All heavy atoms as atom14 arrays in JSON, in Angstrom:
{
  "sequence": "ADPFYYTMEKGVRAKAEELGVEVVVAEYPKSWGPEAQVPILEATAAK",
  "atom14_mask": [
    [1, 1, 1, 1, 1, 0, 0, 0, 0, 0, 0, 0, 0, 0],
    [1, 1, 1, 1, 1, 1, 1, 1, 0, 0, 0, 0, 0, 0],
    [1, 1, 1, 1, 1, 1, 1, 0, 0, 0, 0, 0, 0, 0],
    [1, 1, 1, 1, 1, 1, 1, 1, 1, 1, 1, 0, 0, 0],
    [1, 1, 1, 1, 1, 1, 1, 1, 1, 1, 1, 1, 0, 0],
    [1, 1, 1, 1, 1, 1, 1, 1, 1, 1, 1, 1, 0, 0],
    [1, 1, 1, 1, 1, 1, 1, 0, 0, 0, 0, 0, 0, 0],
    [1, 1, 1, 1, 1, 1, 1, 1, 0, 0, 0, 0, 0, 0],
    [1, 1, 1, 1, 1, 1, 1, 1, 1, 0, 0, 0, 0, 0],
    [1, 1, 1, 1, 1, 1, 1, 1, 1, 0, 0, 0, 0, 0],
    [1, 1, 1, 1, 0, 0, 0, 0, 0, 0, 0, 0, 0, 0],
    [1, 1, 1, 1, 1, 1, 1, 0, 0, 0, 0, 0, 0, 0],
    [1, 1, 1, 1, 1, 1, 1, 1, 1, 1, 1, 0, 0, 0],
    [1, 1, 1, 1, 1, 0, 0, 0, 0, 0, 0, 0, 0, 0],
    [1, 1, 1, 1, 1, 1, 1, 1, 1, 0, 0, 0, 0, 0],
    [1, 1, 1, 1, 1, 0, 0, 0, 0, 0, 0, 0, 0, 0],
    [1, 1, 1, 1, 1, 1, 1, 1, 1, 0, 0, 0, 0, 0],
    [1, 1, 1, 1, 1, 1, 1, 1, 1, 0, 0, 0, 0, 0],
    [1, 1, 1, 1, 1, 1, 1, 1, 0, 0, 0, 0, 0, 0],
    [1, 1, 1, 1, 0, 0, 0, 0, 0, 0, 0, 0, 0, 0],
    [1, 1, 1, 1, 1, 1, 1, 0, 0, 0, 0, 0, 0, 0],
    [1, 1, 1, 1, 1, 1, 1, 1, 1, 0, 0, 0, 0, 0],
    [1, 1, 1, 1, 1, 1, 1, 0, 0, 0, 0, 0, 0, 0],
    [1, 1, 1, 1, 1, 1, 1, 0, 0, 0, 0, 0, 0, 0],
    [1, 1, 1, 1, 1, 1, 1, 0, 0, 0, 0, 0, 0, 0],
    [1, 1, 1, 1, 1, 0, 0, 0, 0, 0, 0, 0, 0, 0],
    [1, 1, 1, 1, 1, 1, 1, 1, 1, 0, 0, 0, 0, 0],
    [1, 1, 1, 1, 1, 1, 1, 1, 1, 1, 1, 1, 0, 0],
    [1, 1, 1, 1, 1, 1, 1, 0, 0, 0, 0, 0, 0, 0],
    [1, 1, 1, 1, 1, 1, 1, 1, 1, 0, 0, 0, 0, 0],
    [1, 1, 1, 1, 1, 1, 0, 0, 0, 0, 0, 0, 0, 0],
    [1, 1, 1, 1, 1, 1, 1, 1, 1, 1, 1, 1, 1, 1],
    [1, 1, 1, 1, 0, 0, 0, 0, 0, 0, 0, 0, 0, 0],
    [1, 1, 1, 1, 1, 1, 1, 0, 0, 0, 0, 0, 0, 0],
    [1, 1, 1, 1, 1, 1, 1, 1, 1, 0, 0, 0, 0, 0],
    [1, 1, 1, 1, 1, 0, 0, 0, 0, 0, 0, 0, 0, 0],
    [1, 1, 1, 1, 1, 1, 1, 1, 1, 0, 0, 0, 0, 0],
    [1, 1, 1, 1, 1, 1, 1, 0, 0, 0, 0, 0, 0, 0],
    [1, 1, 1, 1, 1, 1, 1, 0, 0, 0, 0, 0, 0, 0],
    [1, 1, 1, 1, 1, 1, 1, 1, 0, 0, 0, 0, 0, 0],
    [1, 1, 1, 1, 1, 1, 1, 1, 0, 0, 0, 0, 0, 0],
    [1, 1, 1, 1, 1, 1, 1, 1, 1, 0, 0, 0, 0, 0],
    [1, 1, 1, 1, 1, 0, 0, 0, 0, 0, 0, 0, 0, 0],
    [1, 1, 1, 1, 1, 1, 1, 0, 0, 0, 0, 0, 0, 0],
    [1, 1, 1, 1, 1, 0, 0, 0, 0, 0, 0, 0, 0, 0],
    [1, 1, 1, 1, 1, 0, 0, 0, 0, 0, 0, 0, 0, 0],
    [1, 1, 1, 1, 1, 1, 1, 1, 1, 0, 0, 0, 0, 0]
  ],
  "atom14_positions": [
    [[44.75, 16.06, -14.3], [45.34, 16.01, -15.64], [46.78, 16.51, -15.57], [47.02, 17.71, -15.52], [44.52, 16.85, -16.61], [0.0, 0.0, 0.0], [0.0, 0.0, 0.0], [0.0, 0.0, 0.0], [0.0, 0.0, 0.0], [0.0, 0.0, 0.0], [0.0, 0.0, 0.0], [0.0, 0.0, 0.0], [0.0, 0.0, 0.0], [0.0, 0.0, 0.0]],
    [[47.73, 15.58, -15.56], [49.15, 15.95, -15.59], [49.97, 14.79, -16.14], [49.46, 13.67, -16.28], [49.64, 16.44, -14.22], [49.89, 15.34, -13.21], [49.83, 14.14, -13.57], [50.14, 15.66, -12.03], [0.0, 0.0, 0.0], [0.0, 0.0, 0.0], [0.0, 0.0, 0.0], [0.0, 0.0, 0.0], [0.0, 0.0, 0.0], [0.0, 0.0, 0.0]],
    [[51.24, 15.03, -16.5], [52.05, 13.99, -17.15], [52.23, 12.73, -16.31], [52.39, 11.64, -16.86], [53.39, 14.69, -17.39], [53.04, 16.14, -17.48], [51.94, 16.34, -16.49], [0.0, 0.0, 0.0], [0.0, 0.0, 0.0], [0.0, 0.0, 0.0], [0.0, 0.0, 0.0], [0.0, 0.0, 0.0], [0.0, 0.0, 0.0], [0.0, 0.0, 0.0]],
    [[52.23, 12.87, -14.98], [52.39, 11.71, -14.11], [51.26, 10.71, -14.34], [51.49, 9.51, -14.53], [52.41, 12.17, -12.64], [52.47, 11.04, -11.65], [53.68, 10.49, -11.27], [51.3, 10.52, -11.1], [53.72, 9.44, -10.35], [51.34, 9.48, -10.18], [52.56, 8.94, -9.82], [0.0, 0.0, 0.0], [0.0, 0.0, 0.0], [0.0, 0.0, 0.0]],
    [[50.02, 11.2, -14.33], [48.88, 10.29, -14.48], [48.69, 9.82, -15.92], [48.2, 8.71, -16.16], [47.61, 10.93, -13.93], [47.65, 11.04, -12.42], [47.73, 12.29, -11.8], [47.65, 9.91, -11.62], [47.79, 12.39, -10.42], [47.72, 10.0, -10.24], [47.79, 11.25, -9.64], [47.87, 11.33, -8.28], [0.0, 0.0, 0.0], [0.0, 0.0, 0.0]],
    [[49.07, 10.64, -16.9], [49.04, 10.16, -18.28], [49.99, 8.98, -18.45], [49.69, 8.01, -19.15], [49.41, 11.27, -19.26], [48.41, 12.4, -19.33], [48.81, 13.73, -19.25], [47.05, 12.14, -19.47], [47.9, 14.76, -19.32], [46.12, 13.17, -19.53], [46.55, 14.48, -19.45], [45.66, 15.52, -19.51], [0.0, 0.0, 0.0], [0.0, 0.0, 0.0]],
    [[51.15, 9.06, -17.8], [52.12, 7.97, -17.87], [51.59, 6.75, -17.14], [51.78, 5.61, -17.6], [53.47, 8.42, -17.28], [53.9, 9.61, -17.95], [54.53, 7.35, -17.44], [0.0, 0.0, 0.0], [0.0, 0.0, 0.0], [0.0, 0.0, 0.0], [0.0, 0.0, 0.0], [0.0, 0.0, 0.0], [0.0, 0.0, 0.0], [0.0, 0.0, 0.0]],
    [[50.93, 6.95, -16.01], [50.33, 5.83, -15.29], [49.27, 5.15, -16.15], [49.17, 3.91, -16.18], [49.71, 6.3, -13.97], [49.19, 5.15, -13.11], [48.43, 5.69, -11.56], [49.86, 6.29, -10.67], [0.0, 0.0, 0.0], [0.0, 0.0, 0.0], [0.0, 0.0, 0.0], [0.0, 0.0, 0.0], [0.0, 0.0, 0.0], [0.0, 0.0, 0.0]],
    [[48.47, 5.94, -16.86], [47.44, 5.37, -17.74], [48.05, 4.44, -18.78], [47.48, 3.39, -19.1], [46.66, 6.48, -18.44], [45.59, 5.95, -19.38], [44.95, 7.02, -20.25], [45.02, 8.22, -19.89], [44.37, 6.65, -21.29], [0.0, 0.0, 0.0], [0.0, 0.0, 0.0], [0.0, 0.0, 0.0], [0.0, 0.0, 0.0], [0.0, 0.0, 0.0]],
    [[49.21, 4.82, -19.32], [49.87, 3.96, -20.3], [50.18, 2.58, -19.7], [50.01, 1.55, -20.35], [51.15, 4.62, -20.81], [50.93, 5.82, -21.71], [52.25, 6.42, -22.15], [52.03, 7.65, -23.04], [51.45, 7.28, -24.35], [0.0, 0.0, 0.0], [0.0, 0.0, 0.0], [0.0, 0.0, 0.0], [0.0, 0.0, 0.0], [0.0, 0.0, 0.0]],
    [[50.64, 2.58, -18.45], [50.92, 1.31, -17.79], [49.66, 0.51, -17.56], [49.65, -0.73, -17.72], [0.0, 0.0, 0.0], [0.0, 0.0, 0.0], [0.0, 0.0, 0.0], [0.0, 0.0, 0.0], [0.0, 0.0, 0.0], [0.0, 0.0, 0.0], [0.0, 0.0, 0.0], [0.0, 0.0, 0.0], [0.0, 0.0, 0.0], [0.0, 0.0, 0.0]],
    [[48.59, 1.18, -17.16], [47.29, 0.52, -16.94], [46.81, -0.13, -18.23], [46.43, -1.32, -18.27], [46.25, 1.52, -16.42], [44.84, 0.92, -16.47], [46.58, 1.96, -15.0], [0.0, 0.0, 0.0], [0.0, 0.0, 0.0], [0.0, 0.0, 0.0], [0.0, 0.0, 0.0], [0.0, 0.0, 0.0], [0.0, 0.0, 0.0], [0.0, 0.0, 0.0]],
    [[46.81, 0.64, -19.31], [46.29, 0.14, -20.59], [47.13, -1.02, -21.14], [46.59, -2.0, -21.65], [46.22, 1.27, -21.6], [45.11, 2.29, -21.33], [44.92, 3.2, -22.53], [43.91, 4.22, -22.33], [42.6, 4.02, -22.46], [42.13, 2.81, -22.77], [41.75, 5.02, -22.28], [0.0, 0.0, 0.0], [0.0, 0.0, 0.0], [0.0, 0.0, 0.0]],
    [[48.44, -0.89, -21.03], [49.32, -1.93, -21.57], [49.11, -3.26, -20.84], [49.0, -4.32, -21.48], [50.78, -1.49, -21.46], [0.0, 0.0, 0.0], [0.0, 0.0, 0.0], [0.0, 0.0, 0.0], [0.0, 0.0, 0.0], [0.0, 0.0, 0.0], [0.0, 0.0, 0.0], [0.0, 0.0, 0.0], [0.0, 0.0, 0.0], [0.0, 0.0, 0.0]],
    [[49.05, -3.23, -19.52], [48.87, -4.47, -18.77], [47.46, -5.03, -18.97], [47.28, -6.25, -19.06], [49.15, -4.22, -17.29], [49.02, -5.47, -16.4], [49.9, -6.62, -16.86], [51.36, -6.39, -16.63], [52.17, -7.62, -16.85], [0.0, 0.0, 0.0], [0.0, 0.0, 0.0], [0.0, 0.0, 0.0], [0.0, 0.0, 0.0], [0.0, 0.0, 0.0]],
    [[46.45, -4.16, -19.05], [45.08, -4.63, -19.29], [44.98, -5.34, -20.64], [44.33, -6.39, -20.76], [44.11, -3.46, -19.23], [0.0, 0.0, 0.0], [0.0, 0.0, 0.0], [0.0, 0.0, 0.0], [0.0, 0.0, 0.0], [0.0, 0.0, 0.0], [0.0, 0.0, 0.0], [0.0, 0.0, 0.0], [0.0, 0.0, 0.0], [0.0, 0.0, 0.0]],
    [[45.62, -4.78, -21.66], [45.62, -5.43, -22.97], [46.33, -6.77, -22.93], [45.86, -7.77, -23.51], [46.27, -4.51, -24.0], [46.26, -5.06, -25.42], [46.87, -4.11, -26.43], [47.29, -3.0, -26.04], [46.91, -4.49, -27.62], [0.0, 0.0, 0.0], [0.0, 0.0, 0.0], [0.0, 0.0, 0.0], [0.0, 0.0, 0.0], [0.0, 0.0, 0.0]],
    [[47.45, -6.81, -22.23], [48.22, -8.05, -22.11], [47.4, -9.15, -21.45], [47.46, -10.32, -21.86], [49.49, -7.78, -21.31], [50.33, -9.02, -21.04], [51.46, -8.74, -20.05], [52.01, -7.62, -20.06], [51.78, -9.65, -19.26], [0.0, 0.0, 0.0], [0.0, 0.0, 0.0], [0.0, 0.0, 0.0], [0.0, 0.0, 0.0], [0.0, 0.0, 0.0]],
    [[46.64, -8.77, -20.42], [45.89, -9.76, -19.64], [44.47, -9.99, -20.18], [43.74, -10.82, -19.65], [45.82, -9.32, -18.17], [47.17, -9.22, -17.45], [46.97, -8.75, -16.01], [47.92, -10.55, -17.48], [0.0, 0.0, 0.0], [0.0, 0.0, 0.0], [0.0, 0.0, 0.0], [0.0, 0.0, 0.0], [0.0, 0.0, 0.0], [0.0, 0.0, 0.0]],
    [[44.08, -9.23, -21.19], [42.78, -9.43, -21.79], [41.62, -8.97, -20.93], [40.55, -9.6, -20.92], [0.0, 0.0, 0.0], [0.0, 0.0, 0.0], [0.0, 0.0, 0.0], [0.0, 0.0, 0.0], [0.0, 0.0, 0.0], [0.0, 0.0, 0.0], [0.0, 0.0, 0.0], [0.0, 0.0, 0.0], [0.0, 0.0, 0.0], [0.0, 0.0, 0.0]],
    [[41.82, -7.86, -20.21], [40.74, -7.33, -19.38], [40.31, -5.97, -19.93], [41.07, -5.29, -20.62], [41.15, -7.2, -17.9], [41.56, -8.56, -17.35], [42.28, -6.2, -17.71], [0.0, 0.0, 0.0], [0.0, 0.0, 0.0], [0.0, 0.0, 0.0], [0.0, 0.0, 0.0], [0.0, 0.0, 0.0], [0.0, 0.0, 0.0], [0.0, 0.0, 0.0]],
    [[39.07, -5.62, -19.63], [38.53, -4.34, -20.07], [38.94, -3.24, -19.1], [38.88, -3.42, -17.88], [37.0, -4.43, -20.11], [36.29, -3.13, -20.37], [34.85, -3.17, -19.92], [34.32, -4.26, -19.64], [34.26, -2.09, -19.82], [0.0, 0.0, 0.0], [0.0, 0.0, 0.0], [0.0, 0.0, 0.0], [0.0, 0.0, 0.0], [0.0, 0.0, 0.0]],
    [[39.37, -2.09, -19.62], [39.7, -0.96, -18.77], [39.0, 0.28, -19.29], [38.97, 0.54, -20.5], [41.23, -0.73, -18.66], [41.84, -0.38, -20.01], [41.55, 0.34, -17.64], [0.0, 0.0, 0.0], [0.0, 0.0, 0.0], [0.0, 0.0, 0.0], [0.0, 0.0, 0.0], [0.0, 0.0, 0.0], [0.0, 0.0, 0.0], [0.0, 0.0, 0.0]],
    [[38.39, 1.01, -18.39], [37.77, 2.29, -18.69], [38.55, 3.37, -17.94], [38.82, 3.22, -16.75], [36.29, 2.31, -18.27], [35.7, 3.72, -18.4], [35.48, 1.33, -19.11], [0.0, 0.0, 0.0], [0.0, 0.0, 0.0], [0.0, 0.0, 0.0], [0.0, 0.0, 0.0], [0.0, 0.0, 0.0], [0.0, 0.0, 0.0], [0.0, 0.0, 0.0]],
    [[38.94, 4.42, -18.64], [39.66, 5.53, -18.02], [38.67, 6.67, -17.81], [38.07, 7.16, -18.77], [40.84, 5.99, -18.87], [41.54, 7.19, -18.23], [41.84, 4.85, -19.07], [0.0, 0.0, 0.0], [0.0, 0.0, 0.0], [0.0, 0.0, 0.0], [0.0, 0.0, 0.0], [0.0, 0.0, 0.0], [0.0, 0.0, 0.0], [0.0, 0.0, 0.0]],
    [[38.48, 7.08, -16.58], [37.56, 8.17, -16.27], [38.1, 9.49, -16.8], [39.29, 9.63, -17.09], [37.33, 8.26, -14.76], [0.0, 0.0, 0.0], [0.0, 0.0, 0.0], [0.0, 0.0, 0.0], [0.0, 0.0, 0.0], [0.0, 0.0, 0.0], [0.0, 0.0, 0.0], [0.0, 0.0, 0.0], [0.0, 0.0, 0.0], [0.0, 0.0, 0.0]],
    [[37.23, 10.45, -16.9], [37.65, 11.8, -17.27], [38.7, 12.3, -16.28], [38.57, 12.1, -15.07], [36.44, 12.73, -17.25], [36.75, 14.18, -17.55], [35.54, 15.09, -17.4], [34.42, 14.57, -17.24], [35.75, 16.33, -17.43], [0.0, 0.0, 0.0], [0.0, 0.0, 0.0], [0.0, 0.0, 0.0], [0.0, 0.0, 0.0], [0.0, 0.0, 0.0]],
    [[39.7, 12.95, -16.81], [40.75, 13.51, -15.95], [40.23, 14.78, -15.27], [39.82, 15.71, -15.97], [41.99, 13.85, -16.75], [42.93, 12.7, -17.01], [42.57, 11.66, -17.86], [44.17, 12.65, -16.39], [43.43, 10.6, -18.09], [45.04, 11.6, -16.62], [44.66, 10.57, -17.47], [45.53, 9.52, -17.69], [0.0, 0.0, 0.0], [0.0, 0.0, 0.0]],
    [[40.26, 14.85, -13.94], [39.89, 16.11, -13.28], [40.82, 17.24, -13.72], [42.02, 17.04, -13.88], [40.08, 15.8, -11.79], [39.98, 14.31, -11.68], [40.57, 13.79, -12.95], [0.0, 0.0, 0.0], [0.0, 0.0, 0.0], [0.0, 0.0, 0.0], [0.0, 0.0, 0.0], [0.0, 0.0, 0.0], [0.0, 0.0, 0.0], [0.0, 0.0, 0.0]],
    [[40.27, 18.4, -13.9], [41.07, 19.54, -14.36], [41.75, 20.27, -13.2], [42.58, 21.15, -13.43], [40.2, 20.49, -15.17], [39.7, 19.87, -16.48], [38.78, 20.79, -17.23], [38.38, 20.19, -18.58], [37.69, 18.89, -18.44], [0.0, 0.0, 0.0], [0.0, 0.0, 0.0], [0.0, 0.0, 0.0], [0.0, 0.0, 0.0], [0.0, 0.0, 0.0]],
    [[41.37, 19.93, -11.98], [42.03, 20.49, -10.8], [42.1, 19.39, -9.75], [41.38, 18.39, -9.82], [41.25, 21.7, -10.25], [39.94, 21.32, -9.88], [0.0, 0.0, 0.0], [0.0, 0.0, 0.0], [0.0, 0.0, 0.0], [0.0, 0.0, 0.0], [0.0, 0.0, 0.0], [0.0, 0.0, 0.0], [0.0, 0.0, 0.0], [0.0, 0.0, 0.0]],
    [[42.99, 19.59, -8.79], [43.19, 18.58, -7.75], [42.2, 18.8, -6.61], [42.01, 19.92, -6.16], [44.61, 18.65, -7.21], [44.89, 17.64, -6.15], [44.66, 17.77, -4.81], [45.44, 16.33, -6.33], [45.03, 16.63, -4.14], [45.51, 15.72, -5.05], [45.88, 15.61, -7.45], [46.0, 14.44, -4.87], [46.37, 14.34, -7.25], [46.43, 13.76, -5.98]],
    [[41.59, 17.71, -6.14], [40.74, 17.81, -4.96], [39.48, 16.97, -5.08], [39.04, 16.65, -6.18], [0.0, 0.0, 0.0], [0.0, 0.0, 0.0], [0.0, 0.0, 0.0], [0.0, 0.0, 0.0], [0.0, 0.0, 0.0], [0.0, 0.0, 0.0], [0.0, 0.0, 0.0], [0.0, 0.0, 0.0], [0.0, 0.0, 0.0], [0.0, 0.0, 0.0]],
    [[38.89, 16.59, -3.95], [37.69, 15.76, -3.97], [36.51, 16.42, -4.66], [35.68, 15.74, -5.26], [37.4, 15.5, -2.49], [38.17, 16.53, -1.73], [39.35, 16.85, -2.57], [0.0, 0.0, 0.0], [0.0, 0.0, 0.0], [0.0, 0.0, 0.0], [0.0, 0.0, 0.0], [0.0, 0.0, 0.0], [0.0, 0.0, 0.0], [0.0, 0.0, 0.0]],
    [[36.44, 17.75, -4.59], [35.31, 18.44, -5.23], [35.33, 18.26, -6.75], [34.28, 18.29, -7.41], [35.31, 19.93, -4.88], [36.47, 20.73, -5.4], [37.78, 20.54, -4.63], [37.76, 19.89, -3.55], [38.82, 21.02, -5.1], [0.0, 0.0, 0.0], [0.0, 0.0, 0.0], [0.0, 0.0, 0.0], [0.0, 0.0, 0.0], [0.0, 0.0, 0.0]],
    [[36.51, 18.04, -7.33], [36.62, 17.78, -8.77], [36.58, 16.28, -9.06], [35.99, 15.85, -10.06], [37.92, 18.37, -9.3], [0.0, 0.0, 0.0], [0.0, 0.0, 0.0], [0.0, 0.0, 0.0], [0.0, 0.0, 0.0], [0.0, 0.0, 0.0], [0.0, 0.0, 0.0], [0.0, 0.0, 0.0], [0.0, 0.0, 0.0], [0.0, 0.0, 0.0]],
    [[37.19, 15.47, -8.21], [37.33, 14.05, -8.5], [36.08, 13.23, -8.2], [35.69, 12.36, -8.98], [38.51, 13.47, -7.71], [38.84, 12.03, -8.07], [39.98, 11.47, -7.23], [39.99, 11.63, -6.0], [40.94, 10.82, -7.87], [0.0, 0.0, 0.0], [0.0, 0.0, 0.0], [0.0, 0.0, 0.0], [0.0, 0.0, 0.0], [0.0, 0.0, 0.0]],
    [[35.44, 13.49, -7.07], [34.32, 12.64, -6.63], [33.16, 12.63, -7.62], [32.62, 11.55, -7.93], [33.86, 13.02, -5.2], [32.57, 12.28, -4.84], [34.96, 12.69, -4.19], [0.0, 0.0, 0.0], [0.0, 0.0, 0.0], [0.0, 0.0, 0.0], [0.0, 0.0, 0.0], [0.0, 0.0, 0.0], [0.0, 0.0, 0.0], [0.0, 0.0, 0.0]],
    [[32.71, 13.78, -8.15], [31.6, 13.73, -9.11], [31.93, 12.89, -10.35], [31.06, 12.18, -10.87], [31.4, 15.2, -9.48], [31.91, 15.96, -8.31], [33.08, 15.18, -7.82], [0.0, 0.0, 0.0], [0.0, 0.0, 0.0], [0.0, 0.0, 0.0], [0.0, 0.0, 0.0], [0.0, 0.0, 0.0], [0.0, 0.0, 0.0], [0.0, 0.0, 0.0]],
    [[33.18, 12.96, -10.82], [33.58, 12.15, -11.98], [33.57, 10.67, -11.61], [33.06, 9.83, -12.37], [34.96, 12.58, -12.48], [34.94, 14.03, -12.98], [35.45, 11.65, -13.6], [36.3, 14.59, -13.32], [0.0, 0.0, 0.0], [0.0, 0.0, 0.0], [0.0, 0.0, 0.0], [0.0, 0.0, 0.0], [0.0, 0.0, 0.0], [0.0, 0.0, 0.0]],
    [[34.12, 10.34, -10.46], [34.14, 8.97, -9.99], [32.73, 8.4, -9.89], [32.44, 7.31, -10.4], [34.83, 8.9, -8.62], [34.73, 7.58, -7.86], [35.47, 6.47, -8.58], [35.26, 7.75, -6.43], [0.0, 0.0, 0.0], [0.0, 0.0, 0.0], [0.0, 0.0, 0.0], [0.0, 0.0, 0.0], [0.0, 0.0, 0.0], [0.0, 0.0, 0.0]],
    [[31.84, 9.12, -9.24], [30.49, 8.61, -9.01], [29.71, 8.51, -10.31], [28.96, 7.54, -10.51], [29.77, 9.51, -8.0], [30.39, 9.43, -6.61], [29.7, 10.29, -5.58], [29.05, 11.29, -5.98], [29.82, 9.99, -4.38], [0.0, 0.0, 0.0], [0.0, 0.0, 0.0], [0.0, 0.0, 0.0], [0.0, 0.0, 0.0], [0.0, 0.0, 0.0]],
    [[29.88, 9.49, -11.21], [29.15, 9.45, -12.48], [29.63, 8.29, -13.34], [28.82, 7.6, -13.99], [29.34, 10.77, -13.22], [0.0, 0.0, 0.0], [0.0, 0.0, 0.0], [0.0, 0.0, 0.0], [0.0, 0.0, 0.0], [0.0, 0.0, 0.0], [0.0, 0.0, 0.0], [0.0, 0.0, 0.0], [0.0, 0.0, 0.0], [0.0, 0.0, 0.0]],
    [[30.93, 8.03, -13.36], [31.47, 6.94, -14.17], [31.07, 5.58, -13.61], [30.66, 4.69, -14.35], [33.0, 7.04, -14.27], [33.38, 8.36, -14.65], [33.55, 6.06, -15.3], [0.0, 0.0, 0.0], [0.0, 0.0, 0.0], [0.0, 0.0, 0.0], [0.0, 0.0, 0.0], [0.0, 0.0, 0.0], [0.0, 0.0, 0.0], [0.0, 0.0, 0.0]],
    [[31.15, 5.44, -12.29], [30.79, 4.18, -11.65], [29.29, 3.9, -11.74], [28.86, 2.74, -11.65], [31.24, 4.19, -10.19], [0.0, 0.0, 0.0], [0.0, 0.0, 0.0], [0.0, 0.0, 0.0], [0.0, 0.0, 0.0], [0.0, 0.0, 0.0], [0.0, 0.0, 0.0], [0.0, 0.0, 0.0], [0.0, 0.0, 0.0], [0.0, 0.0, 0.0]],
    [[28.48, 4.95, -11.9], [27.03, 4.76, -12.02], [26.64, 4.16, -13.37], [25.56, 3.58, -13.51], [26.32, 6.1, -11.82], [0.0, 0.0, 0.0], [0.0, 0.0, 0.0], [0.0, 0.0, 0.0], [0.0, 0.0, 0.0], [0.0, 0.0, 0.0], [0.0, 0.0, 0.0], [0.0, 0.0, 0.0], [0.0, 0.0, 0.0], [0.0, 0.0, 0.0]],
    [[27.51, 4.31, -14.36], [27.21, 3.81, -15.7], [27.53, 2.34, -15.87], [27.09, 1.71, -16.82], [28.0, 4.63, -16.73], [27.61, 6.1, -16.8], [28.39, 6.81, -17.89], [27.95, 8.27, -18.0], [28.91, 9.18, -17.41], [0.0, 0.0, 0.0], [0.0, 0.0, 0.0], [0.0, 0.0, 0.0], [0.0, 0.0, 0.0], [0.0, 0.0, 0.0]]
  ]
}
């Protein structure tokens, strides 16, 4: 969770809307590292 990735999300959402595709944004990890990111990735992809 930082301004760099929030700005990247804006680009993702804008282009997805333009192209008519569905985009899901996963929960932002509150700290950097695989121990924070991987559980969110796997839980979101499982749904």
